[in-house]
Amino acid sequence: MDWPHDPDGDDGSEGRRKYGHAVLAKKIDEGEDFPFTADEYVDQYGDHPVRIDYETVVSVADIFEDIDGDTEFEDFPEFHKTAGKALREKDYWPYRLESA
Protein backbone atom coordinates (compact mmCIF):
# COMPACT_ATOMS: atom_id res chain seq x y z
CA MET A 1 0.00 0.00 0.00
CA ASP A 2 1.09 3.58 -0.65
CA TRP A 3 1.17 5.14 2.85
CA PRO A 4 1.40 8.91 3.50
CA HIS A 5 4.49 8.20 5.63
CA ASP A 6 6.82 5.30 6.44
CA PRO A 7 5.03 2.87 8.80
CA ASP A 8 8.29 2.54 10.75
CA GLY A 9 9.36 6.19 10.64
CA ASP A 10 8.92 8.86 13.31
CA ASP A 11 5.22 9.27 12.47
CA GLY A 12 4.67 5.51 12.70
CA SER A 13 6.21 2.80 14.86
CA GLU A 14 9.43 4.77 15.44
CA GLY A 15 11.69 2.01 14.21
CA ARG A 16 9.29 -0.73 15.32
CA ARG A 17 9.35 0.44 18.93
CA LYS A 18 5.63 1.32 19.04
CA TYR A 19 2.72 -0.82 17.93
CA GLY A 20 -1.10 -0.68 17.78
CA HIS A 21 -2.44 1.47 20.61
CA ALA A 22 0.78 3.43 20.99
CA VAL A 23 0.77 4.50 17.33
CA LEU A 24 -2.91 5.51 17.55
CA ALA A 25 -2.42 7.46 20.80
CA LYS A 26 0.65 9.41 19.72
CA LYS A 27 -1.45 11.20 17.11
CA ILE A 28 -3.46 12.88 19.89
CA ASP A 29 -2.47 15.95 21.89
CA GLU A 30 -4.23 15.36 25.21
CA GLY A 31 -4.35 19.05 26.07
CA GLU A 32 -5.77 20.25 22.75
CA ASP A 33 -7.56 17.48 20.85
CA PHE A 34 -10.24 16.22 23.24
CA PRO A 35 -13.15 15.93 22.76
CA PHE A 36 -13.35 14.53 19.23
CA THR A 37 -15.39 11.91 17.39
CA ALA A 38 -14.29 8.71 15.71
CA ASP A 39 -15.21 10.25 12.33
CA GLU A 40 -13.00 13.28 13.02
CA TYR A 41 -10.09 11.02 13.93
CA VAL A 42 -10.53 8.88 10.81
CA ASP A 43 -10.96 11.97 8.60
CA GLN A 44 -7.59 13.22 9.81
CA TYR A 45 -5.64 9.96 10.12
CA GLY A 46 -7.61 7.26 8.27
CA ASP A 47 -4.94 6.58 5.65
CA HIS A 48 -2.10 6.49 8.20
CA PRO A 49 -0.37 3.15 8.80
CA VAL A 50 -0.44 1.36 12.15
CA ARG A 51 2.05 -1.43 12.75
CA ILE A 52 0.30 -4.29 14.54
CA ASP A 53 3.21 -6.73 14.74
CA TYR A 54 6.49 -7.42 12.98
CA GLU A 55 4.75 -8.31 9.71
CA THR A 56 1.34 -6.60 9.80
CA VAL A 57 0.54 -2.97 8.97
CA VAL A 58 -3.06 -1.74 8.65
CA SER A 59 -4.63 1.69 8.26
CA VAL A 60 -6.31 3.68 11.01
CA ALA A 61 -9.50 3.42 8.92
CA ASP A 62 -9.27 -0.39 9.01
CA ILE A 63 -9.11 -0.35 12.81
CA PHE A 64 -11.97 2.16 13.16
CA GLU A 65 -14.16 0.55 10.48
CA ASP A 66 -16.70 -0.91 12.94
CA ILE A 67 -16.69 2.01 15.41
CA ASP A 68 -19.72 4.29 15.09
CA GLY A 69 -18.45 7.54 13.61
CA ASP A 70 -20.47 9.59 16.10
CA THR A 71 -18.67 7.99 19.06
CA GLU A 72 -17.18 10.86 21.03
CA PHE A 73 -13.98 10.58 23.03
CA GLU A 74 -13.79 12.91 26.03
CA ASP A 75 -10.39 11.65 27.22
CA PHE A 76 -7.68 9.04 26.70
CA PRO A 77 -9.37 6.28 28.76
CA GLU A 78 -12.47 6.44 26.52
CA PHE A 79 -10.31 6.45 23.40
CA HIS A 80 -8.19 3.51 24.59
CA LYS A 81 -11.19 1.40 25.62
CA THR A 82 -12.87 1.85 22.24
CA ALA A 83 -9.69 1.43 20.19
CA GLY A 84 -8.67 -1.62 22.23
CA LYS A 85 -12.03 -3.27 21.71
CA ALA A 86 -11.78 -2.62 17.95
CA LEU A 87 -8.24 -4.02 17.83
CA ARG A 88 -9.32 -7.19 19.67
CA GLU A 89 -12.46 -7.70 17.58
CA LYS A 90 -10.44 -7.46 14.36
CA ASP A 91 -7.82 -9.84 15.80
CA TYR A 92 -5.19 -7.08 15.64
CA TRP A 93 -4.35 -7.54 19.31
CA PRO A 94 -1.49 -10.04 19.66
CA TYR A 95 -2.15 -10.85 23.33
CA ARG A 96 -4.76 -13.36 24.44
CA LEU A 97 -6.07 -13.81 27.97
CA GLU A 98 -7.71 -17.04 29.03
CA SER A 99 -9.27 -15.20 31.97
CA ALA A 100 -8.90 -11.88 33.71
C-alpha atoms as a PDB file:
ATOM      1  CA  MET A   1       0.000   0.000   0.000  1.00  0.00           C
ATOM      2  CA  ASP A   2       1.090   3.576  -0.646  1.00  0.00           C
ATOM      3  CA  TRP A   3       1.175   5.139   2.846  1.00  0.00           C
ATOM      4  CA  PRO A   4       1.398   8.908   3.497  1.00  0.00           C
ATOM      5  CA  HIS A   5       4.492   8.198   5.626  1.00  0.00           C
ATOM      6  CA  ASP A   6       6.820   5.303   6.439  1.00  0.00           C
ATOM      7  CA  PRO A   7       5.027   2.871   8.803  1.00  0.00           C
ATOM      8  CA  ASP A   8       8.289   2.539  10.746  1.00  0.00           C
ATOM      9  CA  GLY A   9       9.360   6.195  10.641  1.00  0.00           C
ATOM     10  CA  ASP A  10       8.921   8.858  13.312  1.00  0.00           C
ATOM     11  CA  ASP A  11       5.217   9.269  12.466  1.00  0.00           C
ATOM     12  CA  GLY A  12       4.673   5.509  12.700  1.00  0.00           C
ATOM     13  CA  SER A  13       6.210   2.798  14.858  1.00  0.00           C
ATOM     14  CA  GLU A  14       9.427   4.772  15.444  1.00  0.00           C
ATOM     15  CA  GLY A  15      11.690   2.014  14.209  1.00  0.00           C
ATOM     16  CA  ARG A  16       9.293  -0.729  15.319  1.00  0.00           C
ATOM     17  CA  ARG A  17       9.347   0.442  18.928  1.00  0.00           C
ATOM     18  CA  LYS A  18       5.631   1.319  19.036  1.00  0.00           C
ATOM     19  CA  TYR A  19       2.715  -0.818  17.927  1.00  0.00           C
ATOM     20  CA  GLY A  20      -1.096  -0.675  17.779  1.00  0.00           C
ATOM     21  CA  HIS A  21      -2.445   1.470  20.607  1.00  0.00           C
ATOM     22  CA  ALA A  22       0.779   3.429  20.991  1.00  0.00           C
ATOM     23  CA  VAL A  23       0.773   4.499  17.328  1.00  0.00           C
ATOM     24  CA  LEU A  24      -2.909   5.507  17.554  1.00  0.00           C
ATOM     25  CA  ALA A  25      -2.419   7.461  20.799  1.00  0.00           C
ATOM     26  CA  LYS A  26       0.651   9.406  19.724  1.00  0.00           C
ATOM     27  CA  LYS A  27      -1.449  11.196  17.105  1.00  0.00           C
ATOM     28  CA  ILE A  28      -3.456  12.880  19.886  1.00  0.00           C
ATOM     29  CA  ASP A  29      -2.473  15.952  21.893  1.00  0.00           C
ATOM     30  CA  GLU A  30      -4.226  15.363  25.210  1.00  0.00           C
ATOM     31  CA  GLY A  31      -4.353  19.054  26.071  1.00  0.00           C
ATOM     32  CA  GLU A  32      -5.767  20.246  22.753  1.00  0.00           C
ATOM     33  CA  ASP A  33      -7.560  17.483  20.850  1.00  0.00           C
ATOM     34  CA  PHE A  34     -10.244  16.217  23.242  1.00  0.00           C
ATOM     35  CA  PRO A  35     -13.147  15.928  22.764  1.00  0.00           C
ATOM     36  CA  PHE A  36     -13.351  14.525  19.234  1.00  0.00           C
ATOM     37  CA  THR A  37     -15.386  11.906  17.389  1.00  0.00           C
ATOM     38  CA  ALA A  38     -14.290   8.709  15.705  1.00  0.00           C
ATOM     39  CA  ASP A  39     -15.205  10.254  12.332  1.00  0.00           C
ATOM     40  CA  GLU A  40     -12.999  13.284  13.024  1.00  0.00           C
ATOM     41  CA  TYR A  41     -10.089  11.017  13.934  1.00  0.00           C
ATOM     42  CA  VAL A  42     -10.535   8.881  10.809  1.00  0.00           C
ATOM     43  CA  ASP A  43     -10.958  11.970   8.603  1.00  0.00           C
ATOM     44  CA  GLN A  44      -7.593  13.221   9.806  1.00  0.00           C
ATOM     45  CA  TYR A  45      -5.636   9.958  10.117  1.00  0.00           C
ATOM     46  CA  GLY A  46      -7.613   7.260   8.269  1.00  0.00           C
ATOM     47  CA  ASP A  47      -4.944   6.584   5.652  1.00  0.00           C
ATOM     48  CA  HIS A  48      -2.097   6.487   8.196  1.00  0.00           C
ATOM     49  CA  PRO A  49      -0.365   3.147   8.803  1.00  0.00           C
ATOM     50  CA  VAL A  50      -0.443   1.361  12.154  1.00  0.00           C
ATOM     51  CA  ARG A  51       2.047  -1.434  12.746  1.00  0.00           C
ATOM     52  CA  ILE A  52       0.297  -4.293  14.540  1.00  0.00           C
ATOM     53  CA  ASP A  53       3.214  -6.729  14.741  1.00  0.00           C
ATOM     54  CA  TYR A  54       6.486  -7.420  12.978  1.00  0.00           C
ATOM     55  CA  GLU A  55       4.750  -8.310   9.708  1.00  0.00           C
ATOM     56  CA  THR A  56       1.340  -6.598   9.803  1.00  0.00           C
ATOM     57  CA  VAL A  57       0.544  -2.971   8.971  1.00  0.00           C
ATOM     58  CA  VAL A  58      -3.059  -1.736   8.647  1.00  0.00           C
ATOM     59  CA  SER A  59      -4.631   1.685   8.264  1.00  0.00           C
ATOM     60  CA  VAL A  60      -6.307   3.680  11.011  1.00  0.00           C
ATOM     61  CA  ALA A  61      -9.500   3.424   8.922  1.00  0.00           C
ATOM     62  CA  ASP A  62      -9.266  -0.390   9.008  1.00  0.00           C
ATOM     63  CA  ILE A  63      -9.115  -0.351  12.811  1.00  0.00           C
ATOM     64  CA  PHE A  64     -11.971   2.158  13.159  1.00  0.00           C
ATOM     65  CA  GLU A  65     -14.165   0.552  10.481  1.00  0.00           C
ATOM     66  CA  ASP A  66     -16.704  -0.908  12.943  1.00  0.00           C
ATOM     67  CA  ILE A  67     -16.694   2.010  15.406  1.00  0.00           C
ATOM     68  CA  ASP A  68     -19.721   4.291  15.094  1.00  0.00           C
ATOM     69  CA  GLY A  69     -18.453   7.543  13.609  1.00  0.00           C
ATOM     70  CA  ASP A  70     -20.474   9.593  16.102  1.00  0.00           C
ATOM     71  CA  THR A  71     -18.674   7.986  19.057  1.00  0.00           C
ATOM     72  CA  GLU A  72     -17.179  10.863  21.032  1.00  0.00           C
ATOM     73  CA  PHE A  73     -13.984  10.578  23.028  1.00  0.00           C
ATOM     74  CA  GLU A  74     -13.792  12.914  26.032  1.00  0.00           C
ATOM     75  CA  ASP A  75     -10.391  11.651  27.224  1.00  0.00           C
ATOM     76  CA  PHE A  76      -7.682   9.036  26.704  1.00  0.00           C
ATOM     77  CA  PRO A  77      -9.372   6.278  28.757  1.00  0.00           C
ATOM     78  CA  GLU A  78     -12.469   6.436  26.524  1.00  0.00           C
ATOM     79  CA  PHE A  79     -10.313   6.451  23.397  1.00  0.00           C
ATOM     80  CA  HIS A  80      -8.193   3.514  24.595  1.00  0.00           C
ATOM     81  CA  LYS A  81     -11.194   1.396  25.617  1.00  0.00           C
ATOM     82  CA  THR A  82     -12.866   1.850  22.238  1.00  0.00           C
ATOM     83  CA  ALA A  83      -9.689   1.429  20.187  1.00  0.00           C
ATOM     84  CA  GLY A  84      -8.667  -1.620  22.232  1.00  0.00           C
ATOM     85  CA  LYS A  85     -12.028  -3.270  21.709  1.00  0.00           C
ATOM     86  CA  ALA A  86     -11.784  -2.624  17.955  1.00  0.00           C
ATOM     87  CA  LEU A  87      -8.237  -4.021  17.825  1.00  0.00           C
ATOM     88  CA  ARG A  88      -9.320  -7.190  19.671  1.00  0.00           C
ATOM     89  CA  GLU A  89     -12.457  -7.699  17.583  1.00  0.00           C
ATOM     90  CA  LYS A  90     -10.435  -7.465  14.364  1.00  0.00           C
ATOM     91  CA  ASP A  91      -7.823  -9.837  15.803  1.00  0.00           C
ATOM     92  CA  TYR A  92      -5.189  -7.081  15.636  1.00  0.00           C
ATOM     93  CA  TRP A  93      -4.352  -7.542  19.311  1.00  0.00           C
ATOM     94  CA  PRO A  94      -1.491 -10.038  19.663  1.00  0.00           C
ATOM     95  CA  TYR A  95      -2.147 -10.852  23.325  1.00  0.00           C
ATOM     96  CA  ARG A  96      -4.757 -13.365  24.438  1.00  0.00           C
ATOM     97  CA  LEU A  97      -6.072 -13.811  27.967  1.00  0.00           C
ATOM     98  CA  GLU A  98      -7.714 -17.039  29.026  1.00  0.00           C
ATOM     99  CA  SER A  99      -9.266 -15.199  31.967  1.00  0.00           C
ATOM    100  CA  ALA A 100      -8.904 -11.883  33.711  1.00  0.00           C
END
